[in-house]
Amino acid sequence: MTAVLDAALDERFAQYRAIVLKAQTDPVFRAALLADPRAALKDAFEIDLPAGVSVSVVEETAQSLTLVLPQAPVSTADNDDVLSDDELEMVAAGMMIPPTIKSGSRKPFT
């Protein structure tokens, strides 16, 4: 299970990196991301977050750092503490990116 979680985290960090790089190099995107994250992600990366999923953007300062942990894994007795694919996606990915995104598009995710 560690390899699966590792791969999911690698994908999530790659997505996060693309968003942060754009925010660090594009002041207009940064302002939009802080003001309306859902719209900014849709405009810049064509990411449509599912209804009911909220997204928060917090800007760090020199005096405050933010560490965000994924949702804690849910274990159940009947599956021997193994997460289902859906549970793993919720825990590791944080946001669902449609699988139809193609490499080479303006979206940073494959």
Protein backbone atom coordinates (compact mmCIF):
# COMPACT_ATOMS: atom_id res chain seq x y z
CA MET A 1 0.00 0.00 0.00
CA THR A 2 2.95 2.35 0.59
CA ALA A 3 3.84 2.31 -3.13
CA VAL A 4 0.27 3.23 -4.08
CA LEU A 5 0.18 6.06 -1.54
CA ASP A 6 3.62 7.23 -2.72
CA ALA A 7 2.40 7.40 -6.33
CA ALA A 8 -0.77 9.27 -5.34
CA LEU A 9 1.24 11.77 -3.29
CA ASP A 10 3.69 12.27 -6.16
CA GLU A 11 0.78 13.12 -8.45
CA ARG A 12 -0.74 15.47 -5.90
CA PHE A 13 2.58 17.25 -5.35
CA ALA A 14 3.07 17.63 -9.11
CA GLN A 15 -0.36 19.28 -9.35
CA TYR A 16 0.38 21.48 -6.36
CA ARG A 17 3.77 22.45 -7.82
CA ALA A 18 2.21 23.57 -11.12
CA ILE A 19 -0.35 25.73 -9.33
CA VAL A 20 2.23 27.28 -6.98
CA LEU A 21 4.67 27.97 -9.83
CA LYS A 22 1.95 29.79 -11.76
CA ALA A 23 0.93 31.75 -8.67
CA GLN A 24 4.56 32.73 -8.01
CA THR A 25 5.17 33.91 -11.57
CA ASP A 26 1.77 35.35 -12.54
CA PRO A 27 0.48 38.06 -10.16
CA VAL A 28 -2.91 38.18 -11.89
CA PHE A 29 -3.41 34.43 -11.36
CA ARG A 30 -2.20 34.73 -7.74
CA ALA A 31 -4.76 37.44 -6.98
CA ALA A 32 -7.52 35.44 -8.68
CA LEU A 33 -6.52 32.27 -6.81
CA LEU A 34 -6.74 34.09 -3.48
CA ALA A 35 -10.05 35.78 -4.37
CA ASP A 36 -11.89 32.89 -6.05
CA PRO A 37 -9.87 29.65 -6.13
CA ARG A 38 -12.53 27.61 -7.95
CA ALA A 39 -12.78 30.11 -10.82
CA ALA A 40 -9.01 30.64 -10.99
CA LEU A 41 -8.32 26.89 -11.25
CA LYS A 42 -11.00 26.53 -13.93
CA ASP A 43 -9.67 29.49 -15.95
CA ALA A 44 -5.97 28.63 -15.69
CA PHE A 45 -6.01 24.82 -15.72
CA GLU A 46 -9.54 23.86 -16.82
CA ILE A 47 -10.06 22.11 -13.48
CA ASP A 48 -13.73 21.60 -12.67
CA LEU A 49 -14.07 20.72 -9.01
CA PRO A 50 -17.12 18.61 -8.17
CA ALA A 51 -20.11 20.37 -6.64
CA GLY A 52 -19.89 20.26 -2.88
CA VAL A 53 -16.09 20.33 -2.86
CA SER A 54 -14.69 23.52 -1.42
CA VAL A 55 -11.18 24.81 -1.94
CA SER A 56 -9.30 27.22 0.31
CA VAL A 57 -6.12 29.09 -0.52
CA VAL A 58 -4.01 30.43 2.33
CA GLU A 59 -1.07 32.73 1.73
CA GLU A 60 1.86 32.16 4.08
CA THR A 61 3.74 35.05 5.64
CA ALA A 62 7.20 35.32 7.18
CA GLN A 63 5.55 34.79 10.57
CA SER A 64 3.19 31.95 9.70
CA LEU A 65 3.66 28.69 7.83
CA THR A 66 0.88 26.36 6.80
CA LEU A 67 1.07 22.57 6.75
CA VAL A 68 -1.91 20.82 5.20
CA LEU A 69 -2.40 17.12 5.86
CA PRO A 70 -4.63 14.98 3.66
CA GLN A 71 -7.73 13.53 5.25
CA ALA A 72 -6.84 10.76 7.68
CA PRO A 73 -7.20 7.24 6.27
CA VAL A 74 -10.33 5.40 7.29
CA SER A 75 -9.79 1.82 8.37
CA THR A 76 -12.49 -0.78 8.67
CA ALA A 77 -12.35 -4.24 10.18
CA ASP A 78 -13.88 -5.97 7.17
CA ASN A 79 -11.17 -4.91 4.71
CA ASP A 80 -8.15 -5.55 6.92
CA ASP A 81 -7.23 -1.83 7.07
CA VAL A 82 -6.84 -1.57 3.28
CA LEU A 83 -8.30 1.53 1.65
CA SER A 84 -10.60 1.17 -1.32
CA ASP A 85 -9.60 2.98 -4.52
CA ASP A 86 -12.18 5.70 -3.79
CA GLU A 87 -10.94 6.15 -0.21
CA LEU A 88 -7.34 6.29 -1.39
CA GLU A 89 -8.17 8.97 -3.97
CA MET A 90 -9.91 11.06 -1.31
CA VAL A 91 -7.00 10.73 1.10
CA ALA A 92 -4.08 11.11 -1.27
CA ALA A 93 -5.28 13.17 -4.19
CA GLY A 94 -7.35 15.81 -2.49
CA MET A 95 -8.81 16.91 -5.80
CA MET A 96 -10.02 14.84 -8.65
CA ILE A 97 -8.60 15.65 -12.06
CA PRO A 98 -10.57 14.23 -14.98
CA PRO A 99 -8.67 11.34 -16.64
CA THR A 100 -9.37 12.89 -20.05
CA ILE A 101 -6.71 15.55 -19.56
CA LYS A 102 -4.09 14.97 -22.21
CA SER A 103 -0.39 15.68 -22.03
CA GLY A 104 0.54 18.83 -23.90
CA SER A 105 -2.67 20.67 -23.10
CA ARG A 106 -2.51 23.89 -21.12
CA LYS A 107 -3.39 21.84 -18.05
CA PRO A 108 -0.39 20.75 -15.98
CA PHE A 109 -1.76 17.31 -15.19
CA THR A 110 -1.62 14.08 -17.14
